[in-house]
Amino acid sequence: MFAVLFLTFLMNLQDVPQTTHFRPFKKSLVPSALFATDPPCPEPDEPSDCRRRFKSVGNAWTGDVNGDGLDELLIVPGTGGTGGSDMWLYQKIGNRWRPILYAFPYLERLDILPIVRSGYHDLHLDSLQCYKWNGHKYVAYASEDYRKLQPEFFDTSNPINASILWLARYAGLKEFQFEPRWFSFVPRQTHLGESLEDRKHNLRWVAEFKGAVWGVRGNRSFLIIPRPAHTGCDRLGFEGDWLLIYGVGFGMEEEKPIARYNRRTHRLVIDTRDPFWIKVY
């Protein structure tokens, strides 16, 4: 019986389409002509300065996103800020390279997903962002797109995928019964992060700076919500059975709860209309 069940499990795994990945590409092979255009070289920068900056702090990858046998070119030109880096995807049409996607990842991913729309694969290029083809270019996912993702598209044991796995289940929902997905991982708490001991439930709540909020027990943890605001979570607090998760984001005049989690009933309530994790850049 066990052998039959195990064989069925393996067959089901084979039925799930596999995620592929962009591959590293030598920066010296990126066409110089690319840096004579905007993007990725915005005015008033000189092409030579853009190229020099790219070689110093930029990066490049390649991958076939539409199955035509010709690789597209994904580049980080070295521009951006503390919130992330500019990222452009280029497709070669004849002798010209045209941009078909702009992203601004803070924690970049390089996944080419199995989902295909009009011949183009969906892409996962940031811990909080996926993109789909709209017939002309790539645009950011809507909430319902995330909930169509299969967990098997990702390594479910790797905590770097915690945010996208959370979105695949809960994106767009405002109040729901939360079920922890545990990882063998302890998040780092920087001097800019928040930590709150919960002796009643044998947990420590940890908020990463510009990151997610985690529940930690021993050497294991689960993500309670992805990055809740621009700087992450500004404060954690208790109100009866509720864990309150605060954040100050763009356009917020005062600190207020982004979300509330009932530690007894495991109900999670999102208290903002515009959560950071589905922000469209």
C-alpha atoms as a PDB file:
ATOM      1  CA  MET A   1       0.000   0.000   0.000  1.00  0.00           C
ATOM      2  CA  PHE A   2       2.793   2.414   0.908  1.00  0.00           C
ATOM      3  CA  ALA A   3       4.553   1.720  -2.387  1.00  0.00           C
ATOM      4  CA  VAL A   4       1.351   2.509  -4.325  1.00  0.00           C
ATOM      5  CA  LEU A   5       0.818   5.772  -2.450  1.00  0.00           C
ATOM      6  CA  PHE A   6       4.427   6.813  -2.959  1.00  0.00           C
ATOM      7  CA  LEU A   7       4.220   6.047  -6.683  1.00  0.00           C
ATOM      8  CA  THR A   8       1.022   8.105  -6.935  1.00  0.00           C
ATOM      9  CA  PHE A   9       2.780  10.983  -5.133  1.00  0.00           C
ATOM     10  CA  LEU A  10       5.683  10.879  -7.602  1.00  0.00           C
ATOM     11  CA  MET A  11       3.307  10.794 -10.571  1.00  0.00           C
ATOM     12  CA  ASN A  12       1.421  13.814  -9.246  1.00  0.00           C
ATOM     13  CA  LEU A  13       4.703  15.699  -8.898  1.00  0.00           C
ATOM     14  CA  GLN A  14       5.510  14.943 -12.519  1.00  0.00           C
ATOM     15  CA  ASP A  15       2.145  16.392 -13.560  1.00  0.00           C
ATOM     16  CA  VAL A  16       3.012  19.797 -12.049  1.00  0.00           C
ATOM     17  CA  PRO A  17       4.758  22.037 -14.632  1.00  0.00           C
ATOM     18  CA  GLN A  18       8.186  23.124 -13.459  1.00  0.00           C
ATOM     19  CA  THR A  19       9.461  26.622 -12.816  1.00  0.00           C
ATOM     20  CA  THR A  20      12.635  27.531 -14.693  1.00  0.00           C
ATOM     21  CA  HIS A  21      14.995  30.422 -14.011  1.00  0.00           C
ATOM     22  CA  PHE A  22      16.864  33.214 -15.712  1.00  0.00           C
ATOM     23  CA  ARG A  23      20.547  32.382 -16.084  1.00  0.00           C
ATOM     24  CA  PRO A  24      23.511  34.665 -15.296  1.00  0.00           C
ATOM     25  CA  PHE A  25      24.760  36.587 -18.321  1.00  0.00           C
ATOM     26  CA  LYS A  26      28.180  38.196 -18.728  1.00  0.00           C
ATOM     27  CA  LYS A  27      27.871  41.949 -18.380  1.00  0.00           C
ATOM     28  CA  SER A  28      30.507  42.427 -21.054  1.00  0.00           C
ATOM     29  CA  LEU A  29      28.160  40.776 -23.570  1.00  0.00           C
ATOM     30  CA  VAL A  30      25.260  43.171 -22.951  1.00  0.00           C
ATOM     31  CA  PRO A  31      24.969  45.298 -26.138  1.00  0.00           C
ATOM     32  CA  SER A  32      26.475  48.767 -25.804  1.00  0.00           C
ATOM     33  CA  ALA A  33      23.621  50.167 -27.909  1.00  0.00           C
ATOM     34  CA  LEU A  34      21.252  49.416 -25.036  1.00  0.00           C
ATOM     35  CA  PHE A  35      22.844  52.198 -22.986  1.00  0.00           C
ATOM     36  CA  ALA A  36      22.153  54.801 -25.631  1.00  0.00           C
ATOM     37  CA  THR A  37      18.409  54.610 -24.948  1.00  0.00           C
ATOM     38  CA  ASP A  38      16.056  55.614 -22.179  1.00  0.00           C
ATOM     39  CA  PRO A  39      15.528  53.170 -20.509  1.00  0.00           C
ATOM     40  CA  PRO A  40      17.880  52.025 -19.092  1.00  0.00           C
ATOM     41  CA  CYS A  41      19.928  55.242 -19.433  1.00  0.00           C
ATOM     42  CA  PRO A  42      17.744  58.153 -18.298  1.00  0.00           C
ATOM     43  CA  GLU A  43      18.512  61.718 -19.294  1.00  0.00           C
ATOM     44  CA  PRO A  44      20.682  63.631 -18.556  1.00  0.00           C
ATOM     45  CA  ASP A  45      23.047  60.663 -18.039  1.00  0.00           C
ATOM     46  CA  GLU A  46      25.573  59.975 -20.764  1.00  0.00           C
ATOM     47  CA  PRO A  47      25.576  56.457 -22.293  1.00  0.00           C
ATOM     48  CA  SER A  48      29.205  55.987 -21.272  1.00  0.00           C
ATOM     49  CA  ASP A  49      28.311  56.782 -17.642  1.00  0.00           C
ATOM     50  CA  CYS A  50      25.354  54.386 -17.728  1.00  0.00           C
ATOM     51  CA  ARG A  51      27.524  51.619 -19.136  1.00  0.00           C
ATOM     52  CA  ARG A  52      30.212  52.264 -16.522  1.00  0.00           C
ATOM     53  CA  ARG A  53      27.656  52.198 -13.698  1.00  0.00           C
ATOM     54  CA  PHE A  54      26.144  48.974 -15.031  1.00  0.00           C
ATOM     55  CA  LYS A  55      29.544  47.272 -15.183  1.00  0.00           C
ATOM     56  CA  SER A  56      30.287  48.413 -11.634  1.00  0.00           C
ATOM     57  CA  VAL A  57      27.051  47.685  -9.734  1.00  0.00           C
ATOM     58  CA  GLY A  58      24.583  46.282 -12.284  1.00  0.00           C
ATOM     59  CA  ASN A  59      23.754  42.730 -13.259  1.00  0.00           C
ATOM     60  CA  ALA A  60      22.342  40.730 -16.159  1.00  0.00           C
ATOM     61  CA  TRP A  61      20.530  37.461 -16.796  1.00  0.00           C
ATOM     62  CA  THR A  62      19.031  35.750 -19.816  1.00  0.00           C
ATOM     63  CA  GLY A  63      16.105  33.407 -20.422  1.00  0.00           C
ATOM     64  CA  ASP A  64      13.478  32.504 -23.016  1.00  0.00           C
ATOM     65  CA  VAL A  65      10.120  33.801 -21.755  1.00  0.00           C
ATOM     66  CA  ASN A  66       8.006  32.991 -24.825  1.00  0.00           C
ATOM     67  CA  GLY A  67       9.398  29.680 -26.058  1.00  0.00           C
ATOM     68  CA  ASP A  68      10.602  30.983 -29.422  1.00  0.00           C
ATOM     69  CA  GLY A  69      14.159  29.757 -28.867  1.00  0.00           C
ATOM     70  CA  LEU A  70      15.527  33.299 -28.527  1.00  0.00           C
ATOM     71  CA  ASP A  71      16.564  34.501 -25.091  1.00  0.00           C
ATOM     72  CA  GLU A  72      15.302  37.745 -23.619  1.00  0.00           C
ATOM     73  CA  LEU A  73      17.686  39.926 -21.591  1.00  0.00           C
ATOM     74  CA  LEU A  74      16.992  40.903 -17.989  1.00  0.00           C
ATOM     75  CA  ILE A  75      19.164  43.686 -16.625  1.00  0.00           C
ATOM     76  CA  VAL A  76      19.597  45.675 -13.435  1.00  0.00           C
ATOM     77  CA  PRO A  77      21.345  48.828 -14.691  1.00  0.00           C
ATOM     78  CA  GLY A  78      22.505  49.965 -11.252  1.00  0.00           C
ATOM     79  CA  THR A  79      19.895  52.684 -10.704  1.00  0.00           C
ATOM     80  CA  GLY A  80      17.326  52.804  -7.917  1.00  0.00           C
ATOM     81  CA  GLY A  81      17.481  53.589  -4.227  1.00  0.00           C
ATOM     82  CA  THR A  82      17.150  52.154  -0.733  1.00  0.00           C
ATOM     83  CA  GLY A  83      13.736  50.746  -1.652  1.00  0.00           C
ATOM     84  CA  GLY A  84      15.047  48.555  -4.459  1.00  0.00           C
ATOM     85  CA  SER A  85      16.731  48.541  -7.861  1.00  0.00           C
ATOM     86  CA  ASP A  86      15.416  49.254 -11.329  1.00  0.00           C
ATOM     87  CA  MET A  87      15.035  46.139 -13.470  1.00  0.00           C
ATOM     88  CA  TRP A  88      14.233  45.916 -17.177  1.00  0.00           C
ATOM     89  CA  LEU A  89      13.410  42.975 -19.434  1.00  0.00           C
ATOM     90  CA  TYR A  90      14.323  43.414 -23.101  1.00  0.00           C
ATOM     91  CA  GLN A  91      13.197  41.463 -26.148  1.00  0.00           C
ATOM     92  CA  LYS A  92      15.092  41.543 -29.414  1.00  0.00           C
ATOM     93  CA  ILE A  93      12.945  42.447 -32.425  1.00  0.00           C
ATOM     94  CA  GLY A  94      15.050  42.410 -35.574  1.00  0.00           C
ATOM     95  CA  ASN A  95      18.153  44.419 -34.687  1.00  0.00           C
ATOM     96  CA  ARG A  96      16.513  46.391 -31.871  1.00  0.00           C
ATOM     97  CA  TRP A  97      16.004  45.632 -28.210  1.00  0.00           C
ATOM     98  CA  ARG A  98      12.677  46.814 -26.803  1.00  0.00           C
ATOM     99  CA  PRO A  99      11.695  46.911 -23.101  1.00  0.00           C
ATOM    100  CA  ILE A 100       8.728  44.665 -22.283  1.00  0.00           C
ATOM    101  CA  LEU A 101       8.814  44.814 -18.470  1.00  0.00           C
ATOM    102  CA  TYR A 102       9.808  47.202 -15.714  1.00  0.00           C
ATOM    103  CA  ALA A 103      10.182  46.035 -12.119  1.00  0.00           C
ATOM    104  CA  PHE A 104      11.627  47.513  -8.926  1.00  0.00           C
ATOM    105  CA  PRO A 105      12.592  44.530  -6.784  1.00  0.00           C
ATOM    106  CA  TYR A 106      13.834  44.883  -3.231  1.00  0.00           C
ATOM    107  CA  LEU A 107      14.532  41.143  -2.915  1.00  0.00           C
ATOM    108  CA  GLU A 108      14.898  39.941  -6.504  1.00  0.00           C
ATOM    109  CA  ARG A 109      13.811  36.553  -7.790  1.00  0.00           C
ATOM    110  CA  LEU A 110      14.530  35.090 -11.220  1.00  0.00           C
ATOM    111  CA  ASP A 111      11.669  32.643 -11.765  1.00  0.00           C
ATOM    112  CA  ILE A 112      10.054  31.884 -15.131  1.00  0.00           C
ATOM    113  CA  LEU A 113       6.736  30.367 -14.050  1.00  0.00           C
ATOM    114  CA  PRO A 114       4.855  27.563 -15.857  1.00  0.00           C
ATOM    115  CA  ILE A 115       1.762  29.752 -16.401  1.00  0.00           C
ATOM    116  CA  VAL A 116       1.584  30.913 -20.035  1.00  0.00           C
ATOM    117  CA  ARG A 117      -0.561  33.744 -21.450  1.00  0.00           C
ATOM    118  CA  SER A 118      -0.603  34.323 -25.206  1.00  0.00           C
ATOM    119  CA  GLY A 119       2.676  32.435 -25.462  1.00  0.00           C
ATOM    120  CA  TYR A 120       4.504  34.330 -22.680  1.00  0.00           C
ATOM    121  CA  HIS A 121       5.354  32.849 -19.283  1.00  0.00           C
ATOM    122  CA  ASP A 122       4.432  34.620 -16.070  1.00  0.00           C
ATOM    123  CA  LEU A 123       7.473  35.867 -14.138  1.00  0.00           C
ATOM    124  CA  HIS A 124       8.347  36.061 -10.444  1.00  0.00           C
ATOM    125  CA  LEU A 125      10.975  38.795 -10.112  1.00  0.00           C
ATOM    126  CA  ASP A 126      10.552  40.040  -6.542  1.00  0.00           C
ATOM    127  CA  SER A 127       9.640  38.350  -3.280  1.00  0.00           C
ATOM    128  CA  LEU A 128       6.314  40.250  -3.413  1.00  0.00           C
ATOM    129  CA  GLN A 129       5.734  40.639  -7.145  1.00  0.00           C
ATOM    130  CA  CYS A 130       4.798  38.493 -10.125  1.00  0.00           C
ATOM    131  CA  TYR A 131       4.105  39.713 -13.653  1.00  0.00           C
ATOM    132  CA  LYS A 132       1.869  38.558 -16.522  1.00  0.00           C
ATOM    133  CA  TRP A 133       1.732  39.263 -20.252  1.00  0.00           C
ATOM    134  CA  ASN A 134      -1.143  41.507 -21.351  1.00  0.00           C
ATOM    135  CA  GLY A 135      -0.605  41.098 -25.086  1.00  0.00           C
ATOM    136  CA  HIS A 136       1.899  43.952 -25.407  1.00  0.00           C
ATOM    137  CA  LYS A 137       4.044  43.987 -22.274  1.00  0.00           C
ATOM    138  CA  TYR A 138       4.325  42.579 -18.779  1.00  0.00           C
ATOM    139  CA  VAL A 139       2.158  44.046 -16.002  1.00  0.00           C
ATOM    140  CA  ALA A 140       1.945  43.350 -12.283  1.00  0.00           C
ATOM    141  CA  TYR A 141      -0.311  40.603 -10.944  1.00  0.00           C
ATOM    142  CA  ALA A 142      -3.693  41.387  -9.435  1.00  0.00           C
ATOM    143  CA  SER A 143      -4.675  39.690  -6.175  1.00  0.00           C
ATOM    144  CA  GLU A 144      -6.656  36.939  -7.901  1.00  0.00           C
ATOM    145  CA  ASP A 145      -3.632  36.041 -10.038  1.00  0.00           C
ATOM    146  CA  TYR A 146      -1.600  35.197  -6.949  1.00  0.00           C
ATOM    147  CA  ARG A 147      -4.271  32.853  -5.644  1.00  0.00           C
ATOM    148  CA  LYS A 148      -4.016  30.802  -8.871  1.00  0.00           C
ATOM    149  CA  LEU A 149      -0.361  29.996  -8.204  1.00  0.00           C
ATOM    150  CA  GLN A 150       0.424  26.436  -7.165  1.00  0.00           C
ATOM    151  CA  PRO A 151       2.770  26.019  -4.186  1.00  0.00           C
ATOM    152  CA  GLU A 152       4.572  23.318  -6.180  1.00  0.00           C
ATOM    153  CA  PHE A 153       5.891  26.035  -8.505  1.00  0.00           C
ATOM    154  CA  PHE A 154       8.288  26.974  -5.681  1.00  0.00           C
ATOM    155  CA  ASP A 155      10.613  25.296  -3.210  1.00  0.00           C
ATOM    156  CA  THR A 156       8.194  25.137  -0.290  1.00  0.00           C
ATOM    157  CA  SER A 157      10.975  24.337   2.196  1.00  0.00           C
ATOM    158  CA  ASN A 158      12.957  27.488   1.439  1.00  0.00           C
ATOM    159  CA  PRO A 159      12.032  30.540   3.574  1.00  0.00           C
ATOM    160  CA  ILE A 160      12.953  32.938   0.738  1.00  0.00           C
ATOM    161  CA  ASN A 161       9.677  31.788  -0.855  1.00  0.00           C
ATOM    162  CA  ALA A 162       7.600  32.424   2.262  1.00  0.00           C
ATOM    163  CA  SER A 163       6.070  35.671   0.971  1.00  0.00           C
ATOM    164  CA  ILE A 164       5.043  34.329  -2.427  1.00  0.00           C
ATOM    165  CA  LEU A 165       3.578  31.185  -0.822  1.00  0.00           C
ATOM    166  CA  TRP A 166       1.583  33.431   1.536  1.00  0.00           C
ATOM    167  CA  LEU A 167       0.327  35.487  -1.417  1.00  0.00           C
ATOM    168  CA  ALA A 168      -0.641  32.332  -3.299  1.00  0.00           C
ATOM    169  CA  ARG A 169      -3.061  31.581  -0.492  1.00  0.00           C
ATOM    170  CA  TYR A 170      -4.209  34.890   0.960  1.00  0.00           C
ATOM    171  CA  ALA A 171      -3.589  37.779  -1.490  1.00  0.00           C
ATOM    172  CA  GLY A 172      -6.563  40.141  -1.582  1.00  0.00           C
ATOM    173  CA  LEU A 173      -8.359  38.560   1.375  1.00  0.00           C
ATOM    174  CA  LYS A 174      -9.309  40.867   4.239  1.00  0.00           C
ATOM    175  CA  GLU A 175     -10.342  38.431   6.977  1.00  0.00           C
ATOM    176  CA  PHE A 176      -9.568  34.723   7.027  1.00  0.00           C
ATOM    177  CA  GLN A 177      -8.533  31.724   9.081  1.00  0.00           C
ATOM    178  CA  PHE A 178      -4.752  31.632   9.055  1.00  0.00           C
ATOM    179  CA  GLU A 179      -2.742  28.387   8.945  1.00  0.00           C
ATOM    180  CA  PRO A 180       1.010  28.704   9.627  1.00  0.00           C
ATOM    181  CA  ARG A 181       3.512  27.310   7.148  1.00  0.00           C
ATOM    182  CA  TRP A 182       6.567  26.447   9.222  1.00  0.00           C
ATOM    183  CA  PHE A 183      10.170  26.767   8.062  1.00  0.00           C
ATOM    184  CA  SER A 184      13.433  25.635   9.620  1.00  0.00           C
ATOM    185  CA  PHE A 185      14.524  29.228   9.842  1.00  0.00           C
ATOM    186  CA  VAL A 186      14.977  32.004  12.397  1.00  0.00           C
ATOM    187  CA  PRO A 187      14.603  35.538  10.973  1.00  0.00           C
ATOM    188  CA  ARG A 188      17.283  38.049  11.785  1.00  0.00           C
ATOM    189  CA  GLN A 189      16.222  40.936  13.979  1.00  0.00           C
ATOM    190  CA  THR A 190      18.206  44.062  13.165  1.00  0.00           C
ATOM    191  CA  HIS A 191      18.399  47.154  15.370  1.00  0.00           C
ATOM    192  CA  LEU A 192      15.686  48.605  13.141  1.00  0.00           C
ATOM    193  CA  GLY A 193      13.340  45.658  13.588  1.00  0.00           C
ATOM    194  CA  GLU A 194      10.807  44.846  16.295  1.00  0.00           C
ATOM    195  CA  SER A 195      10.528  41.836  18.589  1.00  0.00           C
ATOM    196  CA  LEU A 196       7.830  40.901  21.076  1.00  0.00           C
ATOM    197  CA  GLU A 197       7.836  37.967  23.486  1.00  0.00           C
ATOM    198  CA  ASP A 198       4.602  35.967  23.704  1.00  0.00           C
ATOM    199  CA  ARG A 199       5.087  33.661  26.699  1.00  0.00           C
ATOM    200  CA  LYS A 200       1.416  32.706  26.749  1.00  0.00           C
ATOM    201  CA  HIS A 201       1.749  31.006  23.364  1.00  0.00           C
ATOM    202  CA  ASN A 202       5.457  30.142  23.546  1.00  0.00           C
ATOM    203  CA  LEU A 203       6.269  32.391  20.579  1.00  0.00           C
ATOM    204  CA  ARG A 204       8.435  35.352  19.764  1.00  0.00           C
ATOM    205  CA  TRP A 205       7.047  37.755  17.162  1.00  0.00           C
ATOM    206  CA  VAL A 206       9.792  39.249  14.994  1.00  0.00           C
ATOM    207  CA  ALA A 207       9.474  42.037  12.423  1.00  0.00           C
ATOM    208  CA  GLU A 208      12.297  42.383   9.906  1.00  0.00           C
ATOM    209  CA  PHE A 209      13.285  45.861   8.728  1.00  0.00           C
ATOM    210  CA  LYS A 210      11.729  46.277   5.259  1.00  0.00           C
ATOM    211  CA  GLY A 211      10.651  42.670   5.617  1.00  0.00           C
ATOM    212  CA  ALA A 212       7.982  40.312   6.879  1.00  0.00           C
ATOM    213  CA  VAL A 213       6.566  39.614  10.339  1.00  0.00           C
ATOM    214  CA  TRP A 214       7.317  36.145  11.709  1.00  0.00           C
ATOM    215  CA  GLY A 215       6.250  33.928  14.569  1.00  0.00           C
ATOM    216  CA  VAL A 216       9.277  32.115  16.002  1.00  0.00           C
ATOM    217  CA  ARG A 217       9.418  29.031  18.197  1.00  0.00           C
ATOM    218  CA  GLY A 218      12.829  27.526  18.842  1.00  0.00           C
ATOM    219  CA  ASN A 219      14.631  27.125  15.526  1.00  0.00           C
ATOM    220  CA  ARG A 220      11.444  27.204  13.448  1.00  0.00           C
ATOM    221  CA  SER A 221       9.234  30.042  12.269  1.00  0.00           C
ATOM    222  CA  PHE A 222       6.254  30.966  10.113  1.00  0.00           C
ATOM    223  CA  LEU A 223       5.456  34.140   8.211  1.00  0.00           C
ATOM    224  CA  ILE A 224       2.343  35.827   9.595  1.00  0.00           C
ATOM    225  CA  ILE A 225       2.228  38.602   6.958  1.00  0.00           C
ATOM    226  CA  PRO A 226       4.622  39.810   4.238  1.00  0.00           C
ATOM    227  CA  ARG A 227       6.279  43.216   4.402  1.00  0.00           C
ATOM    228  CA  PRO A 228       3.395  45.320   5.763  1.00  0.00           C
ATOM    229  CA  ALA A 229       4.629  48.825   4.854  1.00  0.00           C
ATOM    230  CA  HIS A 230       7.557  50.582   3.181  1.00  0.00           C
ATOM    231  CA  THR A 231       9.821  50.191   6.206  1.00  0.00           C
ATOM    232  CA  GLY A 232       8.190  46.956   7.330  1.00  0.00           C
ATOM    233  CA  CYS A 233       6.518  46.815  10.723  1.00  0.00           C
ATOM    234  CA  ASP A 234       7.078  49.853  12.935  1.00  0.00           C
ATOM    235  CA  ARG A 235       5.650  48.347  16.102  1.00  0.00           C
ATOM    236  CA  LEU A 236       4.077  45.196  17.508  1.00  0.00           C
ATOM    237  CA  GLY A 237       1.611  45.133  20.378  1.00  0.00           C
ATOM    238  CA  PHE A 238      -1.017  43.083  22.217  1.00  0.00           C
ATOM    239  CA  GLU A 239      -4.652  43.961  22.804  1.00  0.00           C
ATOM    240  CA  GLY A 240      -6.279  41.043  24.598  1.00  0.00           C
ATOM    241  CA  ASP A 241      -5.971  38.001  22.323  1.00  0.00           C
ATOM    242  CA  TRP A 242      -4.945  40.151  19.376  1.00  0.00           C
ATOM    243  CA  LEU A 243      -1.448  40.717  18.050  1.00  0.00           C
ATOM    244  CA  LEU A 244      -1.424  44.186  16.487  1.00  0.00           C
ATOM    245  CA  ILE A 245       0.935  44.871  13.589  1.00  0.00           C
ATOM    246  CA  TYR A 246       1.599  48.560  12.965  1.00  0.00           C
ATOM    247  CA  GLY A 247       3.144  50.299  10.011  1.00  0.00           C
ATOM    248  CA  VAL A 248       3.699  53.801   8.705  1.00  0.00           C
ATOM    249  CA  GLY A 249       3.652  53.913   4.923  1.00  0.00           C
ATOM    250  CA  PHE A 250       3.484  56.486   2.175  1.00  0.00           C
ATOM    251  CA  GLY A 251       0.413  58.676   2.625  1.00  0.00           C
ATOM    252  CA  MET A 252      -0.190  57.569   6.233  1.00  0.00           C
ATOM    253  CA  GLU A 253      -0.215  60.496   8.634  1.00  0.00           C
ATOM    254  CA  GLU A 254      -0.024  58.438  11.782  1.00  0.00           C
ATOM    255  CA  GLU A 255       0.867  54.995  12.970  1.00  0.00           C
ATOM    256  CA  LYS A 256      -2.029  52.580  12.736  1.00  0.00           C
ATOM    257  CA  PRO A 257      -2.531  48.809  12.614  1.00  0.00           C
ATOM    258  CA  ILE A 258      -1.910  47.219   9.229  1.00  0.00           C
ATOM    259  CA  ALA A 259      -3.186  43.859  10.461  1.00  0.00           C
ATOM    260  CA  ARG A 260      -4.490  42.035  13.533  1.00  0.00           C
ATOM    261  CA  TYR A 261      -4.001  38.367  14.395  1.00  0.00           C
ATOM    262  CA  ASN A 262      -6.103  36.614  17.030  1.00  0.00           C
ATOM    263  CA  ARG A 263      -3.706  34.307  18.832  1.00  0.00           C
ATOM    264  CA  ARG A 264      -6.544  32.211  20.238  1.00  0.00           C
ATOM    265  CA  THR A 265      -8.837  31.778  17.212  1.00  0.00           C
ATOM    266  CA  HIS A 266      -6.108  32.216  14.540  1.00  0.00           C
ATOM    267  CA  ARG A 267      -8.191  34.808  12.689  1.00  0.00           C
ATOM    268  CA  LEU A 268      -6.128  37.246  10.626  1.00  0.00           C
ATOM    269  CA  VAL A 269      -7.643  40.611   9.705  1.00  0.00           C
ATOM    270  CA  ILE A 270      -6.048  43.024   7.224  1.00  0.00           C
ATOM    271  CA  ASP A 271      -6.872  46.581   8.333  1.00  0.00           C
ATOM    272  CA  THR A 272      -5.677  48.553   5.295  1.00  0.00           C
ATOM    273  CA  ARG A 273      -7.182  48.946   1.832  1.00  0.00           C
ATOM    274  CA  ASP A 274      -3.769  49.152   0.174  1.00  0.00           C
ATOM    275  CA  PRO A 275      -1.374  46.562   1.638  1.00  0.00           C
ATOM    276  CA  PHE A 276       2.217  46.985   0.588  1.00  0.00           C
ATOM    277  CA  TRP A 277       2.491  43.402  -0.654  1.00  0.00           C
ATOM    278  CA  ILE A 278       0.203  44.032  -3.623  1.00  0.00           C
ATOM    279  CA  LYS A 279       1.515  47.484  -4.417  1.00  0.00           C
ATOM    280  CA  VAL A 280       1.941  48.047  -8.150  1.00  0.00           C
ATOM    281  CA  TYR A 281       5.042  50.031  -9.074  1.00  0.00           C
END
